[in-house]
PDB file of N, CA and C in Angstrom:
ATOM      1  N   MET A   1       0.841  -1.179   0.000  1.00  0.00           N
ATOM      2  CA  MET A   1       0.000   0.000   0.000  1.00  0.00           C
ATOM      3  C   MET A   1       0.889   1.247   0.000  1.00  0.00           C
ATOM      4  N   LYS A   2       0.567   2.209  -0.859  1.00  0.00           N
ATOM      5  CA  LYS A   2       1.350   3.428  -0.967  1.00  0.00           C
ATOM      6  C   LYS A   2       0.921   4.447   0.077  1.00  0.00           C
ATOM      7  N   THR A   3       1.887   5.214   0.545  1.00  0.00           N
ATOM      8  CA  THR A   3       1.613   6.306   1.470  1.00  0.00           C
ATOM      9  C   THR A   3       1.664   7.609   0.695  1.00  0.00           C
ATOM     10  N   LEU A   4       0.668   8.431   0.884  1.00  0.00           N
ATOM     11  CA  LEU A   4       0.604   9.721   0.215  1.00  0.00           C
ATOM     12  C   LEU A   4       1.304  10.761   1.076  1.00  0.00           C
ATOM     13  N   THR A   5       2.258  11.455   0.495  1.00  0.00           N
ATOM     14  CA  THR A   5       2.972  12.508   1.203  1.00  0.00           C
ATOM     15  C   THR A   5       2.646  13.829   0.526  1.00  0.00           C
ATOM     16  N   LEU A   6       2.159  14.762   1.317  1.00  0.00           N
ATOM     17  CA  LEU A   6       1.823  16.076   0.786  1.00  0.00           C
ATOM     18  C   LEU A   6       2.931  17.055   1.114  1.00  0.00           C
ATOM     19  N   LYS A   7       3.312  17.837   0.130  1.00  0.00           N
ATOM     20  CA  LYS A   7       4.291  18.892   0.355  1.00  0.00           C
ATOM     21  C   LYS A   7       3.545  20.215   0.335  1.00  0.00           C
ATOM     22  N   ILE A   8       3.622  20.918   1.441  1.00  0.00           N
ATOM     23  CA  ILE A   8       2.971  22.218   1.542  1.00  0.00           C
ATOM     24  C   ILE A   8       4.007  23.285   1.193  1.00  0.00           C
ATOM     25  N   PRO A   9       3.676  24.173   0.256  1.00  0.00           N
ATOM     26  CA  PRO A   9       4.632  25.225  -0.103  1.00  0.00           C
ATOM     27  C   PRO A   9       4.998  26.078   1.114  1.00  0.00           C
ATOM     28  N   GLU A  10       6.224  26.590   1.113  1.00  0.00           N
ATOM     29  CA  GLU A  10       6.707  27.383   2.249  1.00  0.00           C
ATOM     30  C   GLU A  10       5.837  28.608   2.499  1.00  0.00           C
ATOM     31  N   THR A  11       5.321  29.220   1.433  1.00  0.00           N
ATOM     32  CA  THR A  11       4.472  30.400   1.607  1.00  0.00           C
ATOM     33  C   THR A  11       3.185  30.041   2.336  1.00  0.00           C
ATOM     34  N   ALA A  12       2.649  28.862   2.058  1.00  0.00           N
ATOM     35  CA  ALA A  12       1.439  28.414   2.748  1.00  0.00           C
ATOM     36  C   ALA A  12       1.737  28.138   4.212  1.00  0.00           C
ATOM     37  N   THR A  13       2.885  27.539   4.489  1.00  0.00           N
ATOM     38  CA  THR A  13       3.279  27.259   5.868  1.00  0.00           C
ATOM     39  C   THR A  13       3.419  28.553   6.655  1.00  0.00           C
ATOM     40  N   LYS A  14       4.022  29.556   6.048  1.00  0.00           N
ATOM     41  CA  LYS A  14       4.174  30.852   6.719  1.00  0.00           C
ATOM     42  C   LYS A  14       2.810  31.478   6.991  1.00  0.00           C
ATOM     43  N   ALA A  15       1.899  31.373   6.044  1.00  0.00           N
ATOM     44  CA  ALA A  15       0.559  31.932   6.219  1.00  0.00           C
ATOM     45  C   ALA A  15      -0.190  31.205   7.334  1.00  0.00           C
ATOM     46  N   ILE A  16      -0.041  29.890   7.389  1.00  0.00           N
ATOM     47  CA  ILE A  16      -0.689  29.102   8.444  1.00  0.00           C
ATOM     48  C   ILE A  16      -0.129  29.492   9.805  1.00  0.00           C
ATOM     49  N   ASN A  17       1.191  29.636   9.902  1.00  0.00           N
ATOM     50  CA  ASN A  17       1.811  30.022  11.172  1.00  0.00           C
ATOM     51  C   ASN A  17       1.382  31.421  11.610  1.00  0.00           C
ATOM     52  N   LYS A  18       1.271  32.334  10.665  1.00  0.00           N
ATOM     53  CA  LYS A  18       0.814  33.693  10.978  1.00  0.00           C
ATOM     54  C   LYS A  18      -0.625  33.653  11.499  1.00  0.00           C
ATOM     55  N   PHE A  19      -1.472  32.886  10.847  1.00  0.00           N
ATOM     56  CA  PHE A  19      -2.865  32.730  11.260  1.00  0.00           C
ATOM     57  C   PHE A  19      -2.947  32.085  12.645  1.00  0.00           C
ATOM     58  N   ALA A  20      -2.134  31.055  12.872  1.00  0.00           N
ATOM     59  CA  ALA A  20      -2.124  30.357  14.160  1.00  0.00           C
ATOM     60  C   ALA A  20      -1.656  31.278  15.276  1.00  0.00           C
ATOM     61  N   LEU A  21      -0.651  32.096  15.011  1.00  0.00           N
ATOM     62  CA  LEU A  21      -0.144  33.013  16.029  1.00  0.00           C
ATOM     63  C   LEU A  21      -1.204  34.042  16.410  1.00  0.00           C
ATOM     64  N   LYS A  22      -1.929  34.534  15.425  1.00  0.00           N
ATOM     65  CA  LYS A  22      -3.016  35.481  15.697  1.00  0.00           C
ATOM     66  C   LYS A  22      -4.078  34.809  16.574  1.00  0.00           C
ATOM     67  N   ASN A  23      -4.436  33.579  16.236  1.00  0.00           N
ATOM     68  CA  ASN A  23      -5.420  32.847  17.032  1.00  0.00           C
ATOM     69  C   ASN A  23      -4.901  32.554  18.434  1.00  0.00           C
ATOM     70  N   TYR A  24      -3.600  32.271  18.552  1.00  0.00           N
ATOM     71  CA  TYR A  24      -3.006  31.982  19.859  1.00  0.00           C
ATOM     72  C   TYR A  24      -3.080  33.209  20.764  1.00  0.00           C
ATOM     73  N   LYS A  25      -2.793  34.374  20.210  1.00  0.00           N
ATOM     74  CA  LYS A  25      -2.861  35.608  21.004  1.00  0.00           C
ATOM     75  C   LYS A  25      -4.279  35.837  21.514  1.00  0.00           C
ATOM     76  N   THR A  26      -5.274  35.581  20.690  1.00  0.00           N
ATOM     77  CA  THR A  26      -6.672  35.707  21.105  1.00  0.00           C
ATOM     78  C   THR A  26      -6.996  34.686  22.184  1.00  0.00           C
ATOM     79  N   TYR A  27      -6.544  33.465  21.991  1.00  0.00           N
ATOM     80  CA  TYR A  27      -6.756  32.375  22.949  1.00  0.00           C
ATOM     81  C   TYR A  27      -6.144  32.709  24.309  1.00  0.00           C
ATOM     82  N   VAL A  28      -4.903  33.201  24.309  1.00  0.00           N
ATOM     83  CA  VAL A  28      -4.223  33.542  25.565  1.00  0.00           C
ATOM     84  C   VAL A  28      -4.961  34.669  26.280  1.00  0.00           C
ATOM     85  N   ALA A  29      -5.359  35.690  25.559  1.00  0.00           N
ATOM     86  CA  ALA A  29      -6.091  36.805  26.166  1.00  0.00           C
ATOM     87  C   ALA A  29      -7.388  36.312  26.799  1.00  0.00           C
ATOM     88  N   HIS A  30      -8.081  35.434  26.118  1.00  0.00           N
ATOM     89  CA  HIS A  30      -9.337  34.873  26.623  1.00  0.00           C
ATOM     90  C   HIS A  30      -9.095  34.087  27.913  1.00  0.00           C
ATOM     91  N   TYR A  31      -8.090  33.216  27.911  1.00  0.00           N
ATOM     92  CA  TYR A  31      -7.796  32.399  29.093  1.00  0.00           C
ATOM     93  C   TYR A  31      -7.314  33.245  30.264  1.00  0.00           C
ATOM     94  N   GLU A  32      -6.422  34.202  29.999  1.00  0.00           N
ATOM     95  CA  GLU A  32      -5.893  35.032  31.080  1.00  0.00           C
ATOM     96  C   GLU A  32      -6.972  35.918  31.688  1.00  0.00           C
ATOM     97  N   SER A  33      -7.927  36.360  30.890  1.00  0.00           N
ATOM     98  CA  SER A  33      -9.006  37.193  31.425  1.00  0.00           C
ATOM     99  C   SER A  33      -9.892  36.406  32.385  1.00  0.00           C
ATOM    100  N   ARG A  34      -9.873  35.083  32.262  1.00  0.00           N
ATOM    101  CA  ARG A  34     -10.663  34.226  33.151  1.00  0.00           C
ATOM    102  C   ARG A  34      -9.790  33.530  34.193  1.00  0.00           C
ATOM    103  N   LYS A  35      -8.539  34.022  34.299  1.00  0.00           N
ATOM    104  CA  LYS A  35      -7.572  33.500  35.271  1.00  0.00           C
ATOM    105  C   LYS A  35      -7.314  32.001  35.108  1.00  0.00           C
ATOM    106  N   LEU A  36      -7.267  31.564  33.851  1.00  0.00           N
ATOM    107  CA  LEU A  36      -6.953  30.181  33.521  1.00  0.00           C
ATOM    108  C   LEU A  36      -5.555  30.123  32.918  1.00  0.00           C
ATOM    109  N   LYS A  37      -4.957  28.961  32.944  1.00  0.00           N
ATOM    110  CA  LYS A  37      -3.608  28.793  32.388  1.00  0.00           C
ATOM    111  C   LYS A  37      -3.725  28.270  30.954  1.00  0.00           C
ATOM    112  N   PRO A  38      -3.302  29.074  29.971  1.00  0.00           N
ATOM    113  CA  PRO A  38      -3.361  28.609  28.580  1.00  0.00           C
ATOM    114  C   PRO A  38      -2.261  27.593  28.287  1.00  0.00           C
ATOM    115  N   MET A  39      -2.470  26.791  27.249  1.00  0.00           N
ATOM    116  CA  MET A  39      -1.438  25.835  26.830  1.00  0.00           C
ATOM    117  C   MET A  39      -0.293  26.588  26.166  1.00  0.00           C
ATOM    118  N   SER A  40       0.828  25.925  26.043  1.00  0.00           N
ATOM    119  CA  SER A  40       1.997  26.547  25.418  1.00  0.00           C
ATOM    120  C   SER A  40       1.754  26.736  23.915  1.00  0.00           C
ATOM    121  N   LEU A  41       2.536  27.623  23.336  1.00  0.00           N
ATOM    122  CA  LEU A  41       2.427  27.867  21.893  1.00  0.00           C
ATOM    123  C   LEU A  41       2.723  26.598  21.109  1.00  0.00           C
ATOM    124  N   GLU A  42       3.707  25.826  21.558  1.00  0.00           N
ATOM    125  CA  GLU A  42       4.069  24.588  20.865  1.00  0.00           C
ATOM    126  C   GLU A  42       2.894  23.610  20.843  1.00  0.00           C
ATOM    127  N   ASP A  43       2.210  23.466  21.979  1.00  0.00           N
ATOM    128  CA  ASP A  43       1.045  22.579  22.031  1.00  0.00           C
ATOM    129  C   ASP A  43      -0.082  23.114  21.156  1.00  0.00           C
ATOM    130  N   PHE A  44      -0.269  24.421  21.183  1.00  0.00           N
ATOM    131  CA  PHE A  44      -1.314  25.047  20.384  1.00  0.00           C
ATOM    132  C   PHE A  44      -1.067  24.829  18.893  1.00  0.00           C
ATOM    133  N   LEU A  45       0.198  24.949  18.471  1.00  0.00           N
ATOM    134  CA  LEU A  45       0.533  24.799  17.050  1.00  0.00           C
ATOM    135  C   LEU A  45       0.324  23.380  16.540  1.00  0.00           C
ATOM    136  N   GLN A  46       0.297  22.405  17.429  1.00  0.00           N
ATOM    137  CA  GLN A  46       0.045  21.027  17.003  1.00  0.00           C
ATOM    138  C   GLN A  46      -1.343  20.894  16.383  1.00  0.00           C
ATOM    139  N   ASN A  47      -2.257  21.780  16.740  1.00  0.00           N
ATOM    140  CA  ASN A  47      -3.598  21.760  16.160  1.00  0.00           C
ATOM    141  C   ASN A  47      -3.599  22.211  14.699  1.00  0.00           C
ATOM    142  N   TYR A  48      -2.507  22.811  14.262  1.00  0.00           N
ATOM    143  CA  TYR A  48      -2.414  23.331  12.901  1.00  0.00           C
ATOM    144  C   TYR A  48      -1.525  22.483  11.996  1.00  0.00           C
ATOM    145  N   SER A  49      -1.087  21.339  12.483  1.00  0.00           N
ATOM    146  CA  SER A  49      -0.209  20.516  11.644  1.00  0.00           C
ATOM    147  C   SER A  49      -0.964  19.399  10.974  1.00  0.00           C
TER     148      SER A  49
END
């Protein structure tokens, strides 16, 4: 059985990371306003891979 490997262009990866960082900042602000501990950026970025 063959495995399909997708190559994402570097420009798309940069756009995804920029979008994820914007969402992370919103997420952190939301959690901190409720005195909760947000997850790390590394854990958050796993949702975008």
